[in-house]
Amino acid sequence: MTSRMADQRGQSAVMTLLFLTVLLGMCAAVVDVGAWFRAHRAAQAEADAAALAGAQAFPADPANASVLAVQYASKNGGGVTSGDVTLLPDNTVRVDVRRDVPGVFSKALGFAGVRVHAHGTAHAYGPGEARWVAPIVVKNTHPLLFGPKATGTPTFDVPTTLTLGPQGAPGAFSMLNLDESQQTGTIGTSALAEWIEEGFDQYLDLGQYYSDPGAKFNSSQIQSALQDRYGTELLFPVYDILTGTGSNAEYHVIAWVGFHITNVTSSGSGGSLDGWFTRYIADGLDTPTPAGTPDTGVRSISLID
């Protein structure tokens, strides 16, 4: 009897050891593998964010893309060096994040941990369609755009004045009806003011837009909306040709440009906006644009891998 009980105690010890081993393995699977998956998600988020940050440097300063990517990564987990950033053709940047993640329970099983690897690739492009546009047009011959003082791209951060008022066609006063579903330029003052305050909540193509007739920019609503935007950037349509008259006048929009507004004045049927042109990251769509579309410093960025 004593021998039989001793044998059973030995079997219990073996079973207990096996059970503890299985339990440890389950803990390793649940805790450690879960931690590795979380670490991979964090690395992927860091890679994506760093790639988007780096893409903002294109095309004006591609050499700075690596610097921006590393700086942004250092604030979101770190571990990224310039060697982890690859500049690809067509204004594209790739960021690789590699991180060693130790195990806790899995160490007891002789498994030290894993190395997670994530990469993010972002692309910068001139948007064929843009969102959150304000309904105020800029002529492409402005001296700091494509006039005699500009060389291929606008001159940024130089104080200038945009003239509001008659634009060379009877009834055309610098403002657009951005609602392409309407076959007229006439739109309410409240709508124009809202588009200035918040931007137009649809993606807009390059092409023809009706001019809103009359000097509505001198209304209290629009003046107040412009004043609310002091110290901020707006996205304006750039046009080259104005045809027609009154509510049938049409601006041919060829690009978008960012403008930092500092002051607005109005007098009679005339007025002006003070500020400067800026590089601008727009909410836009990468769609085919007409050949010869000018580069105004407006870029959209998106993840492509």
C-alpha atoms as a PDB file:
ATOM      1  CA  MET A   1       0.000   0.000   0.000  1.00  0.00           C
ATOM      2  CA  THR A   2       2.759   2.419   0.932  1.00  0.00           C
ATOM      3  CA  SER A   3       4.578   1.760  -2.345  1.00  0.00           C
ATOM      4  CA  ARG A   4       1.399   2.274  -4.363  1.00  0.00           C
ATOM      5  CA  MET A   5       0.768   5.667  -2.655  1.00  0.00           C
ATOM      6  CA  ALA A   6       4.332   6.736  -3.317  1.00  0.00           C
ATOM      7  CA  ASP A   7       3.877   5.902  -6.987  1.00  0.00           C
ATOM      8  CA  GLN A   8       0.700   8.001  -7.071  1.00  0.00           C
ATOM      9  CA  ARG A   9       2.482  10.920  -5.391  1.00  0.00           C
ATOM     10  CA  GLY A  10       5.155  10.717  -8.053  1.00  0.00           C
ATOM     11  CA  GLN A  11       2.546  10.701 -10.791  1.00  0.00           C
ATOM     12  CA  SER A  12       0.854  13.743  -9.205  1.00  0.00           C
ATOM     13  CA  ALA A  13       4.132  15.619  -9.182  1.00  0.00           C
ATOM     14  CA  VAL A  14       4.670  14.844 -12.869  1.00  0.00           C
ATOM     15  CA  MET A  15       1.091  15.872 -13.722  1.00  0.00           C
ATOM     16  CA  THR A  16       1.464  19.079 -11.731  1.00  0.00           C
ATOM     17  CA  LEU A  17       4.705  19.901 -13.535  1.00  0.00           C
ATOM     18  CA  LEU A  18       3.106  19.235 -16.895  1.00  0.00           C
ATOM     19  CA  PHE A  19       0.100  21.352 -15.971  1.00  0.00           C
ATOM     20  CA  LEU A  20       2.308  24.226 -14.844  1.00  0.00           C
ATOM     21  CA  THR A  21       4.230  24.001 -18.105  1.00  0.00           C
ATOM     22  CA  VAL A  22       1.015  24.134 -20.115  1.00  0.00           C
ATOM     23  CA  LEU A  23      -0.255  27.010 -17.960  1.00  0.00           C
ATOM     24  CA  LEU A  24       2.981  28.900 -18.479  1.00  0.00           C
ATOM     25  CA  GLY A  25       2.693  28.343 -22.216  1.00  0.00           C
ATOM     26  CA  MET A  26      -0.872  29.634 -22.195  1.00  0.00           C
ATOM     27  CA  CYS A  27       0.232  32.723 -20.265  1.00  0.00           C
ATOM     28  CA  ALA A  28       3.001  33.258 -22.777  1.00  0.00           C
ATOM     29  CA  ALA A  29       0.518  32.934 -25.636  1.00  0.00           C
ATOM     30  CA  VAL A  30      -2.022  35.281 -24.088  1.00  0.00           C
ATOM     31  CA  VAL A  31       0.211  37.884 -22.460  1.00  0.00           C
ATOM     32  CA  ASP A  32       3.359  37.894 -24.557  1.00  0.00           C
ATOM     33  CA  VAL A  33       1.815  37.348 -27.981  1.00  0.00           C
ATOM     34  CA  GLY A  34      -0.776  40.011 -27.179  1.00  0.00           C
ATOM     35  CA  ALA A  35       2.026  42.384 -26.198  1.00  0.00           C
ATOM     36  CA  TRP A  36       3.841  41.644 -29.456  1.00  0.00           C
ATOM     37  CA  PHE A  37       0.725  42.409 -31.483  1.00  0.00           C
ATOM     38  CA  ARG A  38       0.240  45.681 -29.583  1.00  0.00           C
ATOM     39  CA  ALA A  39       3.876  46.575 -30.185  1.00  0.00           C
ATOM     40  CA  HIS A  40       3.454  45.911 -33.897  1.00  0.00           C
ATOM     41  CA  ARG A  41       0.373  48.144 -34.064  1.00  0.00           C
ATOM     42  CA  ALA A  42       2.270  50.895 -32.255  1.00  0.00           C
ATOM     43  CA  ALA A  43       5.208  50.507 -34.646  1.00  0.00           C
ATOM     44  CA  GLN A  44       2.847  50.663 -37.626  1.00  0.00           C
ATOM     45  CA  ALA A  45       1.207  53.825 -36.298  1.00  0.00           C
ATOM     46  CA  GLU A  46       4.643  55.375 -35.786  1.00  0.00           C
ATOM     47  CA  ALA A  47       5.793  54.417 -39.290  1.00  0.00           C
ATOM     48  CA  ASP A  48       2.638  55.808 -40.893  1.00  0.00           C
ATOM     49  CA  ALA A  49       2.768  59.068 -38.935  1.00  0.00           C
ATOM     50  CA  ALA A  50       6.472  59.567 -39.657  1.00  0.00           C
ATOM     51  CA  ALA A  51       5.960  58.908 -43.392  1.00  0.00           C
ATOM     52  CA  LEU A  52       3.108  61.426 -43.536  1.00  0.00           C
ATOM     53  CA  ALA A  53       5.269  63.979 -41.732  1.00  0.00           C
ATOM     54  CA  GLY A  54       8.187  63.426 -44.099  1.00  0.00           C
ATOM     55  CA  ALA A  55       5.993  63.690 -47.200  1.00  0.00           C
ATOM     56  CA  GLN A  56       5.111  67.260 -46.255  1.00  0.00           C
ATOM     57  CA  ALA A  57       8.592  68.329 -47.362  1.00  0.00           C
ATOM     58  CA  PHE A  58       7.927  67.417 -50.997  1.00  0.00           C
ATOM     59  CA  PRO A  59       8.550  68.801 -53.528  1.00  0.00           C
ATOM     60  CA  ALA A  60      10.105  72.006 -52.261  1.00  0.00           C
ATOM     61  CA  ASP A  61      12.582  70.519 -49.780  1.00  0.00           C
ATOM     62  CA  PRO A  62      12.987  66.756 -50.263  1.00  0.00           C
ATOM     63  CA  ALA A  63      16.253  66.727 -48.308  1.00  0.00           C
ATOM     64  CA  ASN A  64      14.233  67.708 -45.252  1.00  0.00           C
ATOM     65  CA  ALA A  65      11.848  64.755 -45.601  1.00  0.00           C
ATOM     66  CA  SER A  66      14.158  62.448 -43.652  1.00  0.00           C
ATOM     67  CA  VAL A  67      14.640  65.039 -40.921  1.00  0.00           C
ATOM     68  CA  LEU A  68      10.900  65.547 -40.475  1.00  0.00           C
ATOM     69  CA  ALA A  69      10.224  61.809 -40.457  1.00  0.00           C
ATOM     70  CA  VAL A  70      12.870  61.121 -37.797  1.00  0.00           C
ATOM     71  CA  GLN A  71      11.742  64.066 -35.672  1.00  0.00           C
ATOM     72  CA  TYR A  72       8.141  62.944 -35.742  1.00  0.00           C
ATOM     73  CA  ALA A  73       9.076  59.324 -35.009  1.00  0.00           C
ATOM     74  CA  SER A  74      11.168  60.392 -32.030  1.00  0.00           C
ATOM     75  CA  LYS A  75       8.039  61.924 -30.501  1.00  0.00           C
ATOM     76  CA  ASN A  76       5.997  58.774 -31.099  1.00  0.00           C
ATOM     77  CA  GLY A  77       8.137  55.901 -29.883  1.00  0.00           C
ATOM     78  CA  GLY A  78      11.593  56.601 -31.305  1.00  0.00           C
ATOM     79  CA  GLY A  79      14.032  54.091 -32.682  1.00  0.00           C
ATOM     80  CA  VAL A  80      14.042  55.582 -36.198  1.00  0.00           C
ATOM     81  CA  THR A  81      17.205  56.963 -37.774  1.00  0.00           C
ATOM     82  CA  SER A  82      17.876  58.543 -41.137  1.00  0.00           C
ATOM     83  CA  GLY A  83      18.911  55.090 -42.378  1.00  0.00           C
ATOM     84  CA  ASP A  84      15.346  53.904 -41.805  1.00  0.00           C
ATOM     85  CA  VAL A  85      13.941  56.573 -44.126  1.00  0.00           C
ATOM     86  CA  THR A  86      13.957  55.953 -47.881  1.00  0.00           C
ATOM     87  CA  LEU A  87      13.116  58.649 -50.421  1.00  0.00           C
ATOM     88  CA  LEU A  88      11.390  57.116 -53.416  1.00  0.00           C
ATOM     89  CA  PRO A  89      10.552  58.599 -56.836  1.00  0.00           C
ATOM     90  CA  ASP A  90       7.457  60.711 -57.373  1.00  0.00           C
ATOM     91  CA  ASN A  91       7.505  62.576 -54.031  1.00  0.00           C
ATOM     92  CA  THR A  92       7.219  59.418 -51.940  1.00  0.00           C
ATOM     93  CA  VAL A  93       8.845  58.518 -48.617  1.00  0.00           C
ATOM     94  CA  ARG A  94       9.050  55.173 -46.811  1.00  0.00           C
ATOM     95  CA  VAL A  95       9.795  54.796 -43.098  1.00  0.00           C
ATOM     96  CA  ASP A  96      10.773  51.449 -41.521  1.00  0.00           C
ATOM     97  CA  VAL A  97      10.335  50.867 -37.803  1.00  0.00           C
ATOM     98  CA  ARG A  98      12.036  47.891 -36.158  1.00  0.00           C
ATOM     99  CA  ARG A  99      11.694  47.216 -32.474  1.00  0.00           C
ATOM    100  CA  ASP A 100      12.768  44.376 -30.177  1.00  0.00           C
ATOM    101  CA  VAL A 101       9.960  43.341 -27.846  1.00  0.00           C
ATOM    102  CA  PRO A 102      11.010  41.024 -24.977  1.00  0.00           C
ATOM    103  CA  GLY A 103       8.808  38.257 -23.647  1.00  0.00           C
ATOM    104  CA  VAL A 104       7.795  37.859 -20.012  1.00  0.00           C
ATOM    105  CA  PHE A 105       6.402  34.376 -19.499  1.00  0.00           C
ATOM    106  CA  SER A 106       7.954  33.100 -22.725  1.00  0.00           C
ATOM    107  CA  LYS A 107      11.438  33.625 -21.249  1.00  0.00           C
ATOM    108  CA  ALA A 108      10.829  30.629 -19.033  1.00  0.00           C
ATOM    109  CA  LEU A 109      10.366  28.604 -22.203  1.00  0.00           C
ATOM    110  CA  GLY A 110      13.664  29.821 -23.625  1.00  0.00           C
ATOM    111  CA  PHE A 111      12.081  32.325 -25.991  1.00  0.00           C
ATOM    112  CA  ALA A 112      13.580  35.780 -25.477  1.00  0.00           C
ATOM    113  CA  GLY A 113      11.109  37.788 -27.563  1.00  0.00           C
ATOM    114  CA  VAL A 114      10.533  39.016 -31.105  1.00  0.00           C
ATOM    115  CA  ARG A 115      11.542  41.868 -33.379  1.00  0.00           C
ATOM    116  CA  VAL A 116       8.529  43.621 -34.847  1.00  0.00           C
ATOM    117  CA  HIS A 117       8.867  45.359 -38.212  1.00  0.00           C
ATOM    118  CA  ALA A 118       6.453  47.863 -39.717  1.00  0.00           C
ATOM    119  CA  HIS A 119       6.739  50.277 -42.607  1.00  0.00           C
ATOM    120  CA  GLY A 120       4.714  53.234 -43.792  1.00  0.00           C
ATOM    121  CA  THR A 121       4.818  54.829 -47.236  1.00  0.00           C
ATOM    122  CA  ALA A 122       3.343  58.249 -47.983  1.00  0.00           C
ATOM    123  CA  HIS A 123       2.980  60.166 -51.219  1.00  0.00           C
ATOM    124  CA  ALA A 124       2.679  63.924 -51.772  1.00  0.00           C
ATOM    125  CA  TYR A 125       0.832  65.231 -54.818  1.00  0.00           C
ATOM    126  CA  GLY A 126      -0.844  68.277 -56.262  1.00  0.00           C
ATOM    127  CA  PRO A 127      -4.563  67.579 -55.794  1.00  0.00           C
ATOM    128  CA  GLY A 128      -6.764  67.482 -58.852  1.00  0.00           C
ATOM    129  CA  GLU A 129      -9.710  67.897 -56.483  1.00  0.00           C
ATOM    130  CA  ALA A 130      -9.602  69.900 -53.259  1.00  0.00           C
ATOM    131  CA  ARG A 131     -11.866  70.180 -50.231  1.00  0.00           C
ATOM    132  CA  TRP A 132     -12.557  73.023 -47.766  1.00  0.00           C
ATOM    133  CA  VAL A 133     -12.041  75.678 -50.444  1.00  0.00           C
ATOM    134  CA  ALA A 134     -13.003  79.302 -49.721  1.00  0.00           C
ATOM    135  CA  PRO A 135     -15.060  81.141 -52.395  1.00  0.00           C
ATOM    136  CA  ILE A 136     -12.580  83.947 -53.196  1.00  0.00           C
ATOM    137  CA  VAL A 137     -10.607  83.849 -56.444  1.00  0.00           C
ATOM    138  CA  VAL A 138      -7.020  84.879 -57.127  1.00  0.00           C
ATOM    139  CA  LYS A 139      -5.841  85.865 -60.601  1.00  0.00           C
ATOM    140  CA  ASN A 140      -2.905  83.840 -61.847  1.00  0.00           C
ATOM    141  CA  THR A 141      -1.105  87.013 -62.936  1.00  0.00           C
ATOM    142  CA  HIS A 142      -0.629  88.228 -59.366  1.00  0.00           C
ATOM    143  CA  PRO A 143       3.057  89.242 -59.183  1.00  0.00           C
ATOM    144  CA  LEU A 144       3.831  86.703 -56.452  1.00  0.00           C
ATOM    145  CA  LEU A 145       2.078  83.835 -58.235  1.00  0.00           C
ATOM    146  CA  PHE A 146       3.099  83.583 -61.872  1.00  0.00           C
ATOM    147  CA  GLY A 147       3.749  87.211 -62.687  1.00  0.00           C
ATOM    148  CA  PRO A 148       7.119  88.880 -63.287  1.00  0.00           C
ATOM    149  CA  LYS A 149       8.325  88.357 -59.694  1.00  0.00           C
ATOM    150  CA  ALA A 150       7.605  84.628 -59.575  1.00  0.00           C
ATOM    151  CA  THR A 151       9.848  81.912 -60.982  1.00  0.00           C
ATOM    152  CA  GLY A 152       7.857  78.770 -61.605  1.00  0.00           C
ATOM    153  CA  THR A 153       6.188  78.642 -58.198  1.00  0.00           C
ATOM    154  CA  PRO A 154       4.698  81.354 -55.987  1.00  0.00           C
ATOM    155  CA  THR A 155       6.791  83.492 -53.697  1.00  0.00           C
ATOM    156  CA  PHE A 156       5.747  82.481 -50.197  1.00  0.00           C
ATOM    157  CA  ASP A 157       5.651  84.355 -46.888  1.00  0.00           C
ATOM    158  CA  VAL A 158       5.973  87.788 -48.496  1.00  0.00           C
ATOM    159  CA  PRO A 159       3.254  90.270 -47.420  1.00  0.00           C
ATOM    160  CA  THR A 160       0.939  91.174 -50.270  1.00  0.00           C
ATOM    161  CA  THR A 161      -2.570  92.409 -51.017  1.00  0.00           C
ATOM    162  CA  LEU A 162      -5.328  90.690 -52.956  1.00  0.00           C
ATOM    163  CA  THR A 163      -7.789  93.009 -54.631  1.00  0.00           C
ATOM    164  CA  LEU A 164     -11.484  92.281 -54.205  1.00  0.00           C
ATOM    165  CA  GLY A 165     -14.013  93.898 -56.491  1.00  0.00           C
ATOM    166  CA  PRO A 166     -14.733  94.082 -60.225  1.00  0.00           C
ATOM    167  CA  GLN A 167     -12.568  91.557 -62.066  1.00  0.00           C
ATOM    168  CA  GLY A 168     -12.883  92.545 -65.696  1.00  0.00           C
ATOM    169  CA  ALA A 169     -16.394  91.288 -66.477  1.00  0.00           C
ATOM    170  CA  PRO A 170     -19.633  93.109 -65.609  1.00  0.00           C
ATOM    171  CA  GLY A 171     -21.043  91.709 -62.360  1.00  0.00           C
ATOM    172  CA  ALA A 172     -17.971  89.651 -61.458  1.00  0.00           C
ATOM    173  CA  PHE A 173     -16.701  90.584 -57.990  1.00  0.00           C
ATOM    174  CA  SER A 174     -14.057  88.021 -56.906  1.00  0.00           C
ATOM    175  CA  MET A 175     -16.449  85.531 -55.317  1.00  0.00           C
ATOM    176  CA  LEU A 176     -17.590  82.121 -56.576  1.00  0.00           C
ATOM    177  CA  ASN A 177     -20.582  79.916 -56.247  1.00  0.00           C
ATOM    178  CA  LEU A 178     -18.776  76.697 -55.350  1.00  0.00           C
ATOM    179  CA  ASP A 179     -21.922  74.589 -55.562  1.00  0.00           C
ATOM    180  CA  GLU A 180     -21.444  72.980 -58.967  1.00  0.00           C
ATOM    181  CA  SER A 181     -24.981  71.598 -58.946  1.00  0.00           C
ATOM    182  CA  GLN A 182     -26.344  75.096 -59.549  1.00  0.00           C
ATOM    183  CA  GLN A 183     -26.328  76.578 -63.038  1.00  0.00           C
ATOM    184  CA  THR A 184     -25.951  80.169 -61.866  1.00  0.00           C
ATOM    185  CA  GLY A 185     -23.539  82.238 -59.869  1.00  0.00           C
ATOM    186  CA  THR A 186     -26.123  83.669 -57.498  1.00  0.00           C
ATOM    187  CA  ILE A 187     -25.755  82.232 -54.003  1.00  0.00           C
ATOM    188  CA  GLY A 188     -26.834  83.518 -50.601  1.00  0.00           C
ATOM    189  CA  THR A 189     -24.557  85.668 -48.481  1.00  0.00           C
ATOM    190  CA  SER A 190     -24.909  83.258 -45.546  1.00  0.00           C
ATOM    191  CA  ALA A 191     -23.600  80.378 -47.667  1.00  0.00           C
ATOM    192  CA  LEU A 192     -20.594  82.404 -48.835  1.00  0.00           C
ATOM    193  CA  ALA A 193     -19.818  83.417 -45.243  1.00  0.00           C
ATOM    194  CA  GLU A 194     -20.058  79.792 -44.095  1.00  0.00           C
ATOM    195  CA  TRP A 195     -17.674  78.665 -46.851  1.00  0.00           C
ATOM    196  CA  ILE A 196     -15.182  81.291 -45.692  1.00  0.00           C
ATOM    197  CA  GLU A 197     -15.501  80.246 -42.047  1.00  0.00           C
ATOM    198  CA  GLU A 198     -15.347  76.498 -42.622  1.00  0.00           C
ATOM    199  CA  GLY A 199     -14.509  75.830 -46.270  1.00  0.00           C
ATOM    200  CA  PHE A 200     -16.735  74.077 -48.793  1.00  0.00           C
ATOM    201  CA  ASP A 201     -17.487  70.536 -47.633  1.00  0.00           C
ATOM    202  CA  GLN A 202     -17.100  68.770 -50.987  1.00  0.00           C
ATOM    203  CA  TYR A 203     -14.238  67.879 -53.301  1.00  0.00           C
ATOM    204  CA  LEU A 204     -14.048  70.409 -56.112  1.00  0.00           C
ATOM    205  CA  ASP A 205     -12.571  69.849 -59.569  1.00  0.00           C
ATOM    206  CA  LEU A 206     -10.474  72.280 -61.516  1.00  0.00           C
ATOM    207  CA  GLY A 207     -12.515  73.892 -64.268  1.00  0.00           C
ATOM    208  CA  GLN A 208     -15.392  76.342 -64.723  1.00  0.00           C
ATOM    209  CA  TYR A 209     -17.160  78.055 -61.796  1.00  0.00           C
ATOM    210  CA  TYR A 210     -19.864  80.699 -61.888  1.00  0.00           C
ATOM    211  CA  SER A 211     -19.100  84.097 -60.424  1.00  0.00           C
ATOM    212  CA  ASP A 212     -21.430  85.336 -57.732  1.00  0.00           C
ATOM    213  CA  PRO A 213     -22.637  88.757 -58.939  1.00  0.00           C
ATOM    214  CA  GLY A 214     -22.439  91.848 -56.763  1.00  0.00           C
ATOM    215  CA  ALA A 215     -20.065  93.095 -54.085  1.00  0.00           C
ATOM    216  CA  LYS A 216     -21.244  90.745 -51.324  1.00  0.00           C
ATOM    217  CA  PHE A 217     -17.811  90.696 -49.731  1.00  0.00           C
ATOM    218  CA  ASN A 218     -18.717  94.103 -48.271  1.00  0.00           C
ATOM    219  CA  SER A 219     -21.646  92.630 -46.341  1.00  0.00           C
ATOM    220  CA  SER A 220     -21.358  92.459 -42.551  1.00  0.00           C
ATOM    221  CA  GLN A 221     -21.652  88.647 -42.621  1.00  0.00           C
ATOM    222  CA  ILE A 222     -18.757  88.143 -44.982  1.00  0.00           C
ATOM    223  CA  GLN A 223     -16.647  90.828 -43.331  1.00  0.00           C
ATOM    224  CA  SER A 224     -17.202  89.101 -39.983  1.00  0.00           C
ATOM    225  CA  ALA A 225     -16.331  85.696 -41.469  1.00  0.00           C
ATOM    226  CA  LEU A 226     -13.074  87.048 -42.909  1.00  0.00           C
ATOM    227  CA  GLN A 227     -12.178  88.713 -39.619  1.00  0.00           C
ATOM    228  CA  ASP A 228     -12.757  85.423 -37.812  1.00  0.00           C
ATOM    229  CA  ARG A 229     -10.111  83.887 -40.068  1.00  0.00           C
ATOM    230  CA  TYR A 230      -7.379  86.394 -39.215  1.00  0.00           C
ATOM    231  CA  GLY A 231      -4.129  84.582 -38.525  1.00  0.00           C
ATOM    232  CA  THR A 232      -5.226  81.410 -40.328  1.00  0.00           C
ATOM    233  CA  GLU A 233      -4.790  79.910 -43.790  1.00  0.00           C
ATOM    234  CA  LEU A 234      -7.510  79.697 -46.399  1.00  0.00           C
ATOM    235  CA  LEU A 235      -7.476  77.739 -49.647  1.00  0.00           C
ATOM    236  CA  PHE A 236      -8.364  79.936 -52.636  1.00  0.00           C
ATOM    237  CA  PRO A 237      -9.073  78.975 -56.272  1.00  0.00           C
ATOM    238  CA  VAL A 238      -6.642  80.409 -58.847  1.00  0.00           C
ATOM    239  CA  TYR A 239      -8.114  81.353 -62.232  1.00  0.00           C
ATOM    240  CA  ASP A 240      -6.695  82.394 -65.569  1.00  0.00           C
ATOM    241  CA  ILE A 241      -9.737  83.346 -67.690  1.00  0.00           C
ATOM    242  CA  LEU A 242     -13.013  85.088 -66.882  1.00  0.00           C
ATOM    243  CA  THR A 243     -15.840  84.941 -69.425  1.00  0.00           C
ATOM    244  CA  GLY A 244     -19.482  86.023 -69.518  1.00  0.00           C
ATOM    245  CA  THR A 245     -21.311  88.648 -67.472  1.00  0.00           C
ATOM    246  CA  GLY A 246     -23.397  88.872 -64.311  1.00  0.00           C
ATOM    247  CA  SER A 247     -24.620  85.597 -62.827  1.00  0.00           C
ATOM    248  CA  ASN A 248     -23.500  83.849 -66.039  1.00  0.00           C
ATOM    249  CA  ALA A 249     -19.878  84.969 -65.695  1.00  0.00           C
ATOM    250  CA  GLU A 250     -17.493  82.041 -65.237  1.00  0.00           C
ATOM    251  CA  TYR A 251     -13.993  81.761 -63.807  1.00  0.00           C
ATOM    252  CA  HIS A 252     -11.727  79.056 -65.211  1.00  0.00           C
ATOM    253  CA  VAL A 253      -9.996  77.624 -62.132  1.00  0.00           C
ATOM    254  CA  ILE A 254      -6.556  76.145 -62.867  1.00  0.00           C
ATOM    255  CA  ALA A 255      -5.102  75.593 -59.375  1.00  0.00           C
ATOM    256  CA  TRP A 256      -5.441  76.217 -55.641  1.00  0.00           C
ATOM    257  CA  VAL A 257      -3.289  78.415 -53.414  1.00  0.00           C
ATOM    258  CA  GLY A 258      -2.961  78.836 -49.662  1.00  0.00           C
ATOM    259  CA  PHE A 259      -3.292  82.343 -48.231  1.00  0.00           C
ATOM    260  CA  HIS A 260      -2.608  83.491 -44.660  1.00  0.00           C
ATOM    261  CA  ILE A 261      -5.003  86.348 -43.967  1.00  0.00           C
ATOM    262  CA  THR A 262      -4.127  89.254 -41.671  1.00  0.00           C
ATOM    263  CA  ASN A 263      -6.601  92.027 -42.584  1.00  0.00           C
ATOM    264  CA  VAL A 264      -9.607  92.878 -44.745  1.00  0.00           C
ATOM    265  CA  THR A 265     -10.796  96.291 -45.948  1.00  0.00           C
ATOM    266  CA  SER A 266     -13.824  97.352 -47.974  1.00  0.00           C
ATOM    267  CA  SER A 267     -14.965 100.533 -49.632  1.00  0.00           C
ATOM    268  CA  GLY A 268     -17.939 100.816 -51.965  1.00  0.00           C
ATOM    269  CA  SER A 269     -17.672  98.052 -54.549  1.00  0.00           C
ATOM    270  CA  GLY A 270     -13.969  97.509 -53.837  1.00  0.00           C
ATOM    271  CA  GLY A 271     -11.940  95.873 -51.106  1.00  0.00           C
ATOM    272  CA  SER A 272      -8.772  93.988 -50.339  1.00  0.00           C
ATOM    273  CA  LEU A 273      -7.266  91.167 -48.309  1.00  0.00           C
ATOM    274  CA  ASP A 274      -3.836  91.495 -46.707  1.00  0.00           C
ATOM    275  CA  GLY A 275      -1.627  88.519 -45.960  1.00  0.00           C
ATOM    276  CA  TRP A 276       0.761  86.229 -47.784  1.00  0.00           C
ATOM    277  CA  PHE A 277       0.793  83.099 -49.910  1.00  0.00           C
ATOM    278  CA  THR A 278       1.719  79.897 -48.075  1.00  0.00           C
ATOM    279  CA  ARG A 279       2.573  76.313 -48.757  1.00  0.00           C
ATOM    280  CA  TYR A 280      -0.574  74.441 -47.896  1.00  0.00           C
ATOM    281  CA  ILE A 281      -1.394  70.817 -47.057  1.00  0.00           C
ATOM    282  CA  ALA A 282      -4.877  70.308 -48.490  1.00  0.00           C
ATOM    283  CA  ASP A 283      -7.534  67.670 -48.083  1.00  0.00           C
ATOM    284  CA  GLY A 284      -7.491  66.577 -51.712  1.00  0.00           C
ATOM    285  CA  LEU A 285      -7.769  63.714 -54.183  1.00  0.00           C
ATOM    286  CA  ASP A 286      -5.006  62.472 -56.429  1.00  0.00           C
ATOM    287  CA  THR A 287      -6.836  62.604 -59.750  1.00  0.00           C
ATOM    288  CA  PRO A 288      -5.518  63.340 -63.254  1.00  0.00           C
ATOM    289  CA  THR A 289      -4.896  67.059 -63.685  1.00  0.00           C
ATOM    290  CA  PRO A 290      -4.664  68.937 -66.977  1.00  0.00           C
ATOM    291  CA  ALA A 291      -1.243  69.224 -68.541  1.00  0.00           C
ATOM    292  CA  GLY A 292       0.485  72.426 -67.499  1.00  0.00           C
ATOM    293  CA  THR A 293      -1.370  72.771 -64.189  1.00  0.00           C
ATOM    294  CA  PRO A 294       0.816  75.198 -62.229  1.00  0.00           C
ATOM    295  CA  ASP A 295       2.573  74.357 -58.991  1.00  0.00           C
ATOM    296  CA  THR A 296       1.252  76.719 -56.307  1.00  0.00           C
ATOM    297  CA  GLY A 297       2.724  74.936 -53.299  1.00  0.00           C
ATOM    298  CA  VAL A 298      -0.553  73.174 -52.441  1.00  0.00           C
ATOM    299  CA  ARG A 299      -0.017  69.498 -51.657  1.00  0.00           C
ATOM    300  CA  SER A 300      -2.098  66.624 -50.403  1.00  0.00           C
ATOM    301  CA  ILE A 301      -0.469  63.650 -48.695  1.00  0.00           C
ATOM    302  CA  SER A 302      -1.742  60.127 -48.261  1.00  0.00           C
ATOM    303  CA  LEU A 303      -0.565  56.684 -47.239  1.00  0.00           C
ATOM    304  CA  ILE A 304      -0.112  54.337 -50.179  1.00  0.00           C
ATOM    305  CA  ASP A 305       1.297  51.240 -48.446  1.00  0.00           C
END
